[in-house]
Amino acid sequence: MSCYLTINVGSHNVVELRDLKNTVTGAIDTGATVSVTLKDSSGSVITGPVSMTHDSAGLYRATLDHDISIVAGTTYTATVDAVGSGGEVRLWSVAVKAQLGR
């Protein structure tokens, strides 16, 4: 499983969680509840939690609004929380650096 985040100042940003699987059966989990929260270096919430929707085959996506308060060159933490359809809980945190939109 992998978590991908593209974050650009002044742009909508897409967060993806791919290949979410049930930790007991190993089957792709299409019924999980997944969200993402973006925090600054002091732990203050910039945005979120934002619900991530299931697209297909364990792929969950969320779009962060273009007007969130982020600064180019600054590092933030994106945390993805997932509660699987079987009740199992997973958490991933990724450091992301804001950049000017392309």
PDB file of N, CA and C in Angstrom:
ATOM      1  N   MET A   1       0.839  -1.161   0.000  1.00  0.00           N
ATOM      2  CA  MET A   1       0.000   0.000   0.000  1.00  0.00           C
ATOM      3  C   MET A   1       0.888   1.230   0.000  1.00  0.00           C
ATOM      4  N   SER A   2       0.425   2.268  -0.654  1.00  0.00           N
ATOM      5  CA  SER A   2       1.195   3.498  -0.703  1.00  0.00           C
ATOM      6  C   SER A   2       0.263   4.694  -0.642  1.00  0.00           C
ATOM      7  N   CYS A   3       0.783   5.777  -0.091  1.00  0.00           N
ATOM      8  CA  CYS A   3       0.022   7.012   0.015  1.00  0.00           C
ATOM      9  C   CYS A   3       0.763   8.077  -0.775  1.00  0.00           C
ATOM     10  N   TYR A   4       0.087   8.717  -1.703  1.00  0.00           N
ATOM     11  CA  TYR A   4       0.694   9.728  -2.556  1.00  0.00           C
ATOM     12  C   TYR A   4       0.033  11.069  -2.295  1.00  0.00           C
ATOM     13  N   LEU A   5       0.868  12.118  -2.194  1.00  0.00           N
ATOM     14  CA  LEU A   5       0.323  13.448  -1.968  1.00  0.00           C
ATOM     15  C   LEU A   5       1.057  14.450  -2.835  1.00  0.00           C
ATOM     16  N   THR A   6       0.308  15.199  -3.597  1.00  0.00           N
ATOM     17  CA  THR A   6       0.847  16.328  -4.340  1.00  0.00           C
ATOM     18  C   THR A   6       0.248  17.569  -3.717  1.00  0.00           C
ATOM     19  N   ILE A   7       1.103  18.512  -3.285  1.00  0.00           N
ATOM     20  CA  ILE A   7       0.579  19.702  -2.630  1.00  0.00           C
ATOM     21  C   ILE A   7       1.218  20.937  -3.256  1.00  0.00           C
ATOM     22  N   ASN A   8       0.376  21.751  -3.858  1.00  0.00           N
ATOM     23  CA  ASN A   8       0.804  22.976  -4.520  1.00  0.00           C
ATOM     24  C   ASN A   8       0.027  24.160  -3.968  1.00  0.00           C
ATOM     25  N   VAL A   9       0.739  25.235  -3.683  1.00  0.00           N
ATOM     26  CA  VAL A   9       0.107  26.456  -3.171  1.00  0.00           C
ATOM     27  C   VAL A   9      -0.852  27.010  -4.227  1.00  0.00           C
ATOM     28  N   GLY A  10      -2.070  27.343  -3.815  1.00  0.00           N
ATOM     29  CA  GLY A  10      -3.045  27.963  -4.699  1.00  0.00           C
ATOM     30  C   GLY A  10      -3.725  27.022  -5.666  1.00  0.00           C
ATOM     31  N   SER A  11      -3.549  25.718  -5.484  1.00  0.00           N
ATOM     32  CA  SER A  11      -4.155  24.719  -6.378  1.00  0.00           C
ATOM     33  C   SER A  11      -4.970  23.725  -5.566  1.00  0.00           C
ATOM     34  N   HIS A  12      -5.920  23.063  -6.231  1.00  0.00           N
ATOM     35  CA  HIS A  12      -6.567  21.925  -5.608  1.00  0.00           C
ATOM     36  C   HIS A  12      -5.520  20.815  -5.547  1.00  0.00           C
ATOM     37  N   ASN A  13      -5.477  20.066  -4.455  1.00  0.00           N
ATOM     38  CA  ASN A  13      -4.479  19.019  -4.251  1.00  0.00           C
ATOM     39  C   ASN A  13      -5.176  17.694  -4.019  1.00  0.00           C
ATOM     40  N   VAL A  14      -4.728  16.675  -4.725  1.00  0.00           N
ATOM     41  CA  VAL A  14      -5.337  15.353  -4.635  1.00  0.00           C
ATOM     42  C   VAL A  14      -4.494  14.456  -3.731  1.00  0.00           C
ATOM     43  N   VAL A  15      -5.171  13.792  -2.797  1.00  0.00           N
ATOM     44  CA  VAL A  15      -4.538  12.816  -1.923  1.00  0.00           C
ATOM     45  C   VAL A  15      -5.097  11.457  -2.309  1.00  0.00           C
ATOM     46  N   GLU A  16      -4.216  10.480  -2.496  1.00  0.00           N
ATOM     47  CA  GLU A  16      -4.650   9.127  -2.850  1.00  0.00           C
ATOM     48  C   GLU A  16      -4.083   8.108  -1.868  1.00  0.00           C
ATOM     49  N   LEU A  17      -4.914   7.158  -1.511  1.00  0.00           N
ATOM     50  CA  LEU A  17      -4.496   5.976  -0.768  1.00  0.00           C
ATOM     51  C   LEU A  17      -4.814   4.804  -1.670  1.00  0.00           C
ATOM     52  N   ARG A  18      -3.794   4.047  -2.031  1.00  0.00           N
ATOM     53  CA  ARG A  18      -3.966   2.965  -3.002  1.00  0.00           C
ATOM     54  C   ARG A  18      -3.868   1.596  -2.348  1.00  0.00           C
ATOM     55  N   ASP A  19      -4.639   0.677  -2.889  1.00  0.00           N
ATOM     56  CA  ASP A  19      -4.572  -0.741  -2.502  1.00  0.00           C
ATOM     57  C   ASP A  19      -4.873  -0.990  -1.027  1.00  0.00           C
ATOM     58  N   LEU A  20      -5.873  -0.295  -0.493  1.00  0.00           N
ATOM     59  CA  LEU A  20      -6.257  -0.533   0.895  1.00  0.00           C
ATOM     60  C   LEU A  20      -6.792  -1.954   1.022  1.00  0.00           C
ATOM     61  N   LYS A  21      -6.214  -2.706   1.952  1.00  0.00           N
ATOM     62  CA  LYS A  21      -6.613  -4.106   2.140  1.00  0.00           C
ATOM     63  C   LYS A  21      -7.024  -4.364   3.571  1.00  0.00           C
ATOM     64  N   ASN A  22      -7.898  -5.343   3.720  1.00  0.00           N
ATOM     65  CA  ASN A  22      -8.292  -5.834   5.024  1.00  0.00           C
ATOM     66  C   ASN A  22      -7.068  -6.509   5.640  1.00  0.00           C
ATOM     67  N   THR A  23      -6.690  -6.107   6.854  1.00  0.00           N
ATOM     68  CA  THR A  23      -5.476  -6.641   7.475  1.00  0.00           C
ATOM     69  C   THR A  23      -5.618  -8.086   7.928  1.00  0.00           C
ATOM     70  N   VAL A  24      -6.831  -8.585   8.023  1.00  0.00           N
ATOM     71  CA  VAL A  24      -7.055  -9.973   8.433  1.00  0.00           C
ATOM     72  C   VAL A  24      -7.112 -10.894   7.225  1.00  0.00           C
ATOM     73  N   THR A  25      -7.904 -10.533   6.207  1.00  0.00           N
ATOM     74  CA  THR A  25      -8.106 -11.423   5.060  1.00  0.00           C
ATOM     75  C   THR A  25      -7.174 -11.137   3.886  1.00  0.00           C
ATOM     76  N   GLY A  26      -6.626  -9.927   3.838  1.00  0.00           N
ATOM     77  CA  GLY A  26      -5.776  -9.533   2.723  1.00  0.00           C
ATOM     78  C   GLY A  26      -6.553  -9.101   1.488  1.00  0.00           C
ATOM     79  N   ALA A  27      -7.888  -9.106   1.570  1.00  0.00           N
ATOM     80  CA  ALA A  27      -8.722  -8.709   0.430  1.00  0.00           C
ATOM     81  C   ALA A  27      -8.773  -7.184   0.323  1.00  0.00           C
ATOM     82  N   ILE A  28      -8.919  -6.680  -0.904  1.00  0.00           N
ATOM     83  CA  ILE A  28      -9.095  -5.244  -1.126  1.00  0.00           C
ATOM     84  C   ILE A  28     -10.320  -4.777  -0.340  1.00  0.00           C
ATOM     85  N   ASP A  29     -10.181  -3.660   0.360  1.00  0.00           N
ATOM     86  CA  ASP A  29     -11.274  -3.130   1.182  1.00  0.00           C
ATOM     87  C   ASP A  29     -11.927  -1.958   0.453  1.00  0.00           C
ATOM     88  N   THR A  30     -13.146  -2.171   0.002  1.00  0.00           N
ATOM     89  CA  THR A  30     -13.879  -1.139  -0.731  1.00  0.00           C
ATOM     90  C   THR A  30     -14.896  -0.404   0.138  1.00  0.00           C
ATOM     91  N   GLY A  31     -15.015  -0.782   1.406  1.00  0.00           N
ATOM     92  CA  GLY A  31     -16.029  -0.199   2.272  1.00  0.00           C
ATOM     93  C   GLY A  31     -15.463   0.503   3.494  1.00  0.00           C
ATOM     94  N   ALA A  32     -14.211   0.919   3.435  1.00  0.00           N
ATOM     95  CA  ALA A  32     -13.579   1.571   4.578  1.00  0.00           C
ATOM     96  C   ALA A  32     -14.028   3.030   4.703  1.00  0.00           C
ATOM     97  N   THR A  33     -13.829   3.581   5.870  1.00  0.00           N
ATOM     98  CA  THR A  33     -14.015   5.010   6.114  1.00  0.00           C
ATOM     99  C   THR A  33     -12.625   5.605   6.211  1.00  0.00           C
ATOM    100  N   VAL A  34     -12.298   6.520   5.282  1.00  0.00           N
ATOM    101  CA  VAL A  34     -10.931   7.050   5.183  1.00  0.00           C
ATOM    102  C   VAL A  34     -10.984   8.574   5.150  1.00  0.00           C
ATOM    103  N   SER A  35     -10.055   9.212   5.846  1.00  0.00           N
ATOM    104  CA  SER A  35      -9.976  10.679   5.828  1.00  0.00           C
ATOM    105  C   SER A  35      -8.518  11.116   5.888  1.00  0.00           C
ATOM    106  N   VAL A  36      -8.283  12.366   5.501  1.00  0.00           N
ATOM    107  CA  VAL A  36      -6.944  12.948   5.550  1.00  0.00           C
ATOM    108  C   VAL A  36      -7.000  14.286   6.281  1.00  0.00           C
ATOM    109  N   THR A  37      -5.961  14.550   7.088  1.00  0.00           N
ATOM    110  CA  THR A  37      -5.833  15.809   7.814  1.00  0.00           C
ATOM    111  C   THR A  37      -4.444  16.364   7.546  1.00  0.00           C
ATOM    112  N   LEU A  38      -4.364  17.652   7.270  1.00  0.00           N
ATOM    113  CA  LEU A  38      -3.089  18.321   7.034  1.00  0.00           C
ATOM    114  C   LEU A  38      -2.793  19.226   8.226  1.00  0.00           C
ATOM    115  N   LYS A  39      -1.577  19.055   8.815  1.00  0.00           N
ATOM    116  CA  LYS A  39      -1.184  19.844   9.985  1.00  0.00           C
ATOM    117  C   LYS A  39       0.143  20.541   9.725  1.00  0.00           C
ATOM    118  N   ASP A  40       0.333  21.657  10.443  1.00  0.00           N
ATOM    119  CA  ASP A  40       1.615  22.360  10.348  1.00  0.00           C
ATOM    120  C   ASP A  40       2.603  21.749  11.343  1.00  0.00           C
ATOM    121  N   SER A  41       3.812  22.327  11.415  1.00  0.00           N
ATOM    122  CA  SER A  41       4.872  21.752  12.249  1.00  0.00           C
ATOM    123  C   SER A  41       4.564  21.788  13.741  1.00  0.00           C
ATOM    124  N   SER A  42       3.639  22.657  14.166  1.00  0.00           N
ATOM    125  CA  SER A  42       3.262  22.709  15.583  1.00  0.00           C
ATOM    126  C   SER A  42       2.091  21.778  15.898  1.00  0.00           C
ATOM    127  N   GLY A  43       1.573  21.097  14.871  1.00  0.00           N
ATOM    128  CA  GLY A  43       0.459  20.178  15.071  1.00  0.00           C
ATOM    129  C   GLY A  43      -0.905  20.810  14.888  1.00  0.00           C
ATOM    130  N   SER A  44      -0.935  22.081  14.517  1.00  0.00           N
ATOM    131  CA  SER A  44      -2.222  22.752  14.283  1.00  0.00           C
ATOM    132  C   SER A  44      -2.811  22.288  12.957  1.00  0.00           C
ATOM    133  N   VAL A  45      -4.113  22.053  12.950  1.00  0.00           N
ATOM    134  CA  VAL A  45      -4.793  21.576  11.749  1.00  0.00           C
ATOM    135  C   VAL A  45      -4.913  22.709  10.736  1.00  0.00           C
ATOM    136  N   ILE A  46      -4.428  22.462   9.512  1.00  0.00           N
ATOM    137  CA  ILE A  46      -4.577  23.386   8.395  1.00  0.00           C
ATOM    138  C   ILE A  46      -5.909  23.118   7.703  1.00  0.00           C
ATOM    139  N   THR A  47      -6.197  21.834   7.475  1.00  0.00           N
ATOM    140  CA  THR A  47      -7.484  21.420   6.904  1.00  0.00           C
ATOM    141  C   THR A  47      -7.743  19.969   7.276  1.00  0.00           C
ATOM    142  N   GLY A  48      -9.029  19.656   7.431  1.00  0.00           N
ATOM    143  CA  GLY A  48      -9.398  18.279   7.707  1.00  0.00           C
ATOM    144  C   GLY A  48     -10.055  18.122   9.060  1.00  0.00           C
ATOM    145  N   PRO A  49     -10.488  16.900   9.291  1.00  0.00           N
ATOM    146  CA  PRO A  49     -10.352  15.769   8.368  1.00  0.00           C
ATOM    147  C   PRO A  49     -11.259  15.916   7.138  1.00  0.00           C
ATOM    148  N   VAL A  50     -10.695  15.544   5.991  1.00  0.00           N
ATOM    149  CA  VAL A  50     -11.412  15.553   4.718  1.00  0.00           C
ATOM    150  C   VAL A  50     -11.696  14.105   4.348  1.00  0.00           C
ATOM    151  N   SER A  51     -12.965  13.789   4.097  1.00  0.00           N
ATOM    152  CA  SER A  51     -13.337  12.420   3.730  1.00  0.00           C
ATOM    153  C   SER A  51     -12.742  12.039   2.384  1.00  0.00           C
ATOM    154  N   MET A  52     -12.258  10.794   2.308  1.00  0.00           N
ATOM    155  CA  MET A  52     -11.726  10.247   1.064  1.00  0.00           C
ATOM    156  C   MET A  52     -12.754   9.244   0.535  1.00  0.00           C
ATOM    157  N   THR A  53     -13.085   9.350  -0.738  1.00  0.00           N
ATOM    158  CA  THR A  53     -14.078   8.458  -1.329  1.00  0.00           C
ATOM    159  C   THR A  53     -13.395   7.310  -2.054  1.00  0.00           C
ATOM    160  N   HIS A  54     -14.081   6.169  -2.062  1.00  0.00           N
ATOM    161  CA  HIS A  54     -13.560   4.998  -2.755  1.00  0.00           C
ATOM    162  C   HIS A  54     -13.851   5.133  -4.244  1.00  0.00           C
ATOM    163  N   ASP A  55     -12.819   5.032  -5.070  1.00  0.00           N
ATOM    164  CA  ASP A  55     -12.984   5.096  -6.521  1.00  0.00           C
ATOM    165  C   ASP A  55     -13.081   3.707  -7.131  1.00  0.00           C
ATOM    166  N   SER A  56     -12.084   2.871  -6.869  1.00  0.00           N
ATOM    167  CA  SER A  56     -12.095   1.506  -7.403  1.00  0.00           C
ATOM    168  C   SER A  56     -10.961   0.698  -6.805  1.00  0.00           C
ATOM    169  N   ALA A  57     -11.194  -0.580  -6.620  1.00  0.00           N
ATOM    170  CA  ALA A  57     -10.172  -1.551  -6.218  1.00  0.00           C
ATOM    171  C   ALA A  57      -9.266  -1.077  -5.081  1.00  0.00           C
ATOM    172  N   GLY A  58      -9.857  -0.510  -4.032  1.00  0.00           N
ATOM    173  CA  GLY A  58      -9.078  -0.090  -2.880  1.00  0.00           C
ATOM    174  C   GLY A  58      -8.410   1.261  -3.030  1.00  0.00           C
ATOM    175  N   LEU A  59      -8.774   2.024  -4.050  1.00  0.00           N
ATOM    176  CA  LEU A  59      -8.231   3.371  -4.268  1.00  0.00           C
ATOM    177  C   LEU A  59      -9.188   4.396  -3.669  1.00  0.00           C
ATOM    178  N   TYR A  60      -8.672   5.168  -2.724  1.00  0.00           N
ATOM    179  CA  TYR A  60      -9.453   6.219  -2.075  1.00  0.00           C
ATOM    180  C   TYR A  60      -8.821   7.564  -2.422  1.00  0.00           C
ATOM    181  N   ARG A  61      -9.672   8.575  -2.664  1.00  0.00           N
ATOM    182  CA  ARG A  61      -9.187   9.905  -3.062  1.00  0.00           C
ATOM    183  C   ARG A  61      -9.920  10.998  -2.301  1.00  0.00           C
ATOM    184  N   ALA A  62      -9.176  12.087  -2.075  1.00  0.00           N
ATOM    185  CA  ALA A  62      -9.757  13.323  -1.531  1.00  0.00           C
ATOM    186  C   ALA A  62      -9.082  14.481  -2.239  1.00  0.00           C
ATOM    187  N   THR A  63      -9.804  15.586  -2.367  1.00  0.00           N
ATOM    188  CA  THR A  63      -9.236  16.803  -2.930  1.00  0.00           C
ATOM    189  C   THR A  63      -9.217  17.872  -1.853  1.00  0.00           C
ATOM    190  N   LEU A  64      -8.031  18.432  -1.611  1.00  0.00           N
ATOM    191  CA  LEU A  64      -7.902  19.538  -0.670  1.00  0.00           C
ATOM    192  C   LEU A  64      -8.168  20.830  -1.433  1.00  0.00           C
ATOM    193  N   ASP A  65      -8.915  21.730  -0.836  1.00  0.00           N
ATOM    194  CA  ASP A  65      -9.293  22.981  -1.491  1.00  0.00           C
ATOM    195  C   ASP A  65      -8.079  23.824  -1.865  1.00  0.00           C
ATOM    196  N   HIS A  66      -8.242  24.619  -2.895  1.00  0.00           N
ATOM    197  CA  HIS A  66      -7.162  25.475  -3.393  1.00  0.00           C
ATOM    198  C   HIS A  66      -6.816  26.621  -2.445  1.00  0.00           C
ATOM    199  N   ASP A  67      -7.723  26.952  -1.555  1.00  0.00           N
ATOM    200  CA  ASP A  67      -7.511  28.121  -0.700  1.00  0.00           C
ATOM    201  C   ASP A  67      -7.048  27.788   0.718  1.00  0.00           C
ATOM    202  N   ILE A  68      -6.526  26.561   0.918  1.00  0.00           N
ATOM    203  CA  ILE A  68      -5.997  26.256   2.246  1.00  0.00           C
ATOM    204  C   ILE A  68      -4.754  27.105   2.486  1.00  0.00           C
ATOM    205  N   SER A  69      -4.495  27.401   3.737  1.00  0.00           N
ATOM    206  CA  SER A  69      -3.414  28.320   4.097  1.00  0.00           C
ATOM    207  C   SER A  69      -2.086  27.571   4.214  1.00  0.00           C
ATOM    208  N   ILE A  70      -1.383  27.432   3.069  1.00  0.00           N
ATOM    209  CA  ILE A  70      -0.068  26.802   3.049  1.00  0.00           C
ATOM    210  C   ILE A  70       0.925  27.754   2.390  1.00  0.00           C
ATOM    211  N   VAL A  71       2.205  27.588   2.732  1.00  0.00           N
ATOM    212  CA  VAL A  71       3.262  28.466   2.251  1.00  0.00           C
ATOM    213  C   VAL A  71       4.319  27.641   1.534  1.00  0.00           C
ATOM    214  N   ALA A  72       4.706  28.073   0.346  1.00  0.00           N
ATOM    215  CA  ALA A  72       5.733  27.366  -0.425  1.00  0.00           C
ATOM    216  C   ALA A  72       7.015  27.251   0.398  1.00  0.00           C
ATOM    217  N   GLY A  73       7.626  26.065   0.347  1.00  0.00           N
ATOM    218  CA  GLY A  73       8.859  25.808   1.072  1.00  0.00           C
ATOM    219  C   GLY A  73       8.654  25.298   2.485  1.00  0.00           C
ATOM    220  N   THR A  74       7.422  25.297   2.953  1.00  0.00           N
ATOM    221  CA  THR A  74       7.101  24.849   4.306  1.00  0.00           C
ATOM    222  C   THR A  74       6.706  23.373   4.280  1.00  0.00           C
ATOM    223  N   THR A  75       7.143  22.639   5.305  1.00  0.00           N
ATOM    224  CA  THR A  75       6.811  21.220   5.409  1.00  0.00           C
ATOM    225  C   THR A  75       5.616  21.034   6.337  1.00  0.00           C
ATOM    226  N   TYR A  76       4.684  20.212   5.906  1.00  0.00           N
ATOM    227  CA  TYR A  76       3.474  19.892   6.648  1.00  0.00           C
ATOM    228  C   TYR A  76       3.405  18.381   6.835  1.00  0.00           C
ATOM    229  N   THR A  77       2.469  17.932   7.662  1.00  0.00           N
ATOM    230  CA  THR A  77       2.241  16.503   7.840  1.00  0.00           C
ATOM    231  C   THR A  77       0.826  16.168   7.403  1.00  0.00           C
ATOM    232  N   ALA A  78       0.721  15.235   6.462  1.00  0.00           N
ATOM    233  CA  ALA A  78      -0.581  14.719   6.036  1.00  0.00           C
ATOM    234  C   ALA A  78      -0.785  13.383   6.748  1.00  0.00           C
ATOM    235  N   THR A  79      -1.899  13.265   7.448  1.00  0.00           N
ATOM    236  CA  THR A  79      -2.213  12.026   8.153  1.00  0.00           C
ATOM    237  C   THR A  79      -3.476  11.436   7.555  1.00  0.00           C
ATOM    238  N   VAL A  80      -3.361  10.187   7.124  1.00  0.00           N
ATOM    239  CA  VAL A  80      -4.500   9.456   6.561  1.00  0.00           C
ATOM    240  C   VAL A  80      -4.945   8.443   7.609  1.00  0.00           C
ATOM    241  N   ASP A  81      -6.223   8.528   7.999  1.00  0.00           N
ATOM    242  CA  ASP A  81      -6.833   7.596   8.949  1.00  0.00           C
ATOM    243  C   ASP A  81      -7.806   6.707   8.192  1.00  0.00           C
ATOM    244  N   ALA A  82      -7.737   5.406   8.450  1.00  0.00           N
ATOM    245  CA  ALA A  82      -8.668   4.481   7.800  1.00  0.00           C
ATOM    246  C   ALA A  82      -9.234   3.513   8.838  1.00  0.00           C
ATOM    247  N   VAL A  83     -10.541   3.323   8.768  1.00  0.00           N
ATOM    248  CA  VAL A  83     -11.205   2.284   9.546  1.00  0.00           C
ATOM    249  C   VAL A  83     -11.786   1.332   8.524  1.00  0.00           C
ATOM    250  N   GLY A  84     -11.233   0.123   8.478  1.00  0.00           N
ATOM    251  CA  GLY A  84     -11.651  -0.865   7.490  1.00  0.00           C
ATOM    252  C   GLY A  84     -13.063  -1.336   7.715  1.00  0.00           C
ATOM    253  N   SER A  85     -13.610  -1.965   6.693  1.00  0.00           N
ATOM    254  CA  SER A  85     -14.988  -2.466   6.777  1.00  0.00           C
ATOM    255  C   SER A  85     -15.132  -3.527   7.859  1.00  0.00           C
ATOM    256  N   GLY A  86     -14.029  -4.122   8.288  1.00  0.00           N
ATOM    257  CA  GLY A  86     -14.054  -5.102   9.370  1.00  0.00           C
ATOM    258  C   GLY A  86     -13.729  -4.495  10.725  1.00  0.00           C
ATOM    259  N   GLY A  87     -13.565  -3.153  10.771  1.00  0.00           N
ATOM    260  CA  GLY A  87     -13.305  -2.451  12.019  1.00  0.00           C
ATOM    261  C   GLY A  87     -11.830  -2.227  12.321  1.00  0.00           C
ATOM    262  N   GLU A  88     -10.941  -2.756  11.477  1.00  0.00           N
ATOM    263  CA  GLU A  88      -9.515  -2.562  11.734  1.00  0.00           C
ATOM    264  C   GLU A  88      -9.119  -1.109  11.473  1.00  0.00           C
ATOM    265  N   VAL A  89      -8.211  -0.593  12.295  1.00  0.00           N
ATOM    266  CA  VAL A  89      -7.813   0.815  12.233  1.00  0.00           C
ATOM    267  C   VAL A  89      -6.386   0.915  11.711  1.00  0.00           C
ATOM    268  N   ARG A  90      -6.179   1.828  10.759  1.00  0.00           N
ATOM    269  CA  ARG A  90      -4.841   2.077  10.195  1.00  0.00           C
ATOM    270  C   ARG A  90      -4.601   3.580  10.181  1.00  0.00           C
ATOM    271  N   LEU A  91      -3.320   3.958  10.258  1.00  0.00           N
ATOM    272  CA  LEU A  91      -2.936   5.365  10.278  1.00  0.00           C
ATOM    273  C   LEU A  91      -1.595   5.519   9.567  1.00  0.00           C
ATOM    274  N   TRP A  92      -1.518   6.488   8.667  1.00  0.00           N
ATOM    275  CA  TRP A  92      -0.275   6.802   7.971  1.00  0.00           C
ATOM    276  C   TRP A  92      -0.034   8.294   8.085  1.00  0.00           C
ATOM    277  N   SER A  93       1.209   8.688   8.353  1.00  0.00           N
ATOM    278  CA  SER A  93       1.592  10.097   8.361  1.00  0.00           C
ATOM    279  C   SER A  93       2.745  10.288   7.398  1.00  0.00           C
ATOM    280  N   VAL A  94       2.641  11.337   6.583  1.00  0.00           N
ATOM    281  CA  VAL A  94       3.635  11.610   5.559  1.00  0.00           C
ATOM    282  C   VAL A  94       4.019  13.089   5.640  1.00  0.00           C
ATOM    283  N   ALA A  95       5.318  13.377   5.650  1.00  0.00           N
ATOM    284  CA  ALA A  95       5.776  14.763   5.579  1.00  0.00           C
ATOM    285  C   ALA A  95       5.685  15.217   4.130  1.00  0.00           C
ATOM    286  N   VAL A  96       5.086  16.389   3.921  1.00  0.00           N
ATOM    287  CA  VAL A  96       4.940  16.935   2.562  1.00  0.00           C
ATOM    288  C   VAL A  96       5.427  18.383   2.556  1.00  0.00           C
ATOM    289  N   LYS A  97       6.067  18.752   1.472  1.00  0.00           N
ATOM    290  CA  LYS A  97       6.566  20.115   1.342  1.00  0.00           C
ATOM    291  C   LYS A  97       5.725  20.858   0.317  1.00  0.00           C
ATOM    292  N   ALA A  98       5.241  22.023   0.705  1.00  0.00           N
ATOM    293  CA  ALA A  98       4.438  22.834  -0.212  1.00  0.00           C
ATOM    294  C   ALA A  98       5.354  23.473  -1.251  1.00  0.00           C
ATOM    295  N   GLN A  99       4.838  23.579  -2.463  1.00  0.00           N
ATOM    296  CA  GLN A  99       5.573  24.221  -3.545  1.00  0.00           C
ATOM    297  C   GLN A  99       4.614  25.096  -4.338  1.00  0.00           C
ATOM    298  N   LEU A 100       5.177  26.012  -5.104  1.00  0.00           N
ATOM    299  CA  LEU A 100       4.332  26.838  -5.960  1.00  0.00           C
ATOM    300  C   LEU A 100       3.686  25.962  -7.017  1.00  0.00           C
ATOM    301  N   GLY A 101       2.397  26.227  -7.325  1.00  0.00           N
ATOM    302  CA  GLY A 101       1.671  25.437  -8.315  1.00  0.00           C
ATOM    303  C   GLY A 101       2.325  25.495  -9.679  1.00  0.00           C
ATOM    304  N   ARG A 102       2.115  24.402 -10.415  1.00  0.00           N
ATOM    305  CA  ARG A 102       2.695  24.329 -11.768  1.00  0.00           C
ATOM    306  C   ARG A 102       1.662  24.626 -12.802  1.00  0.00           C
TER     307      ARG A 102
END
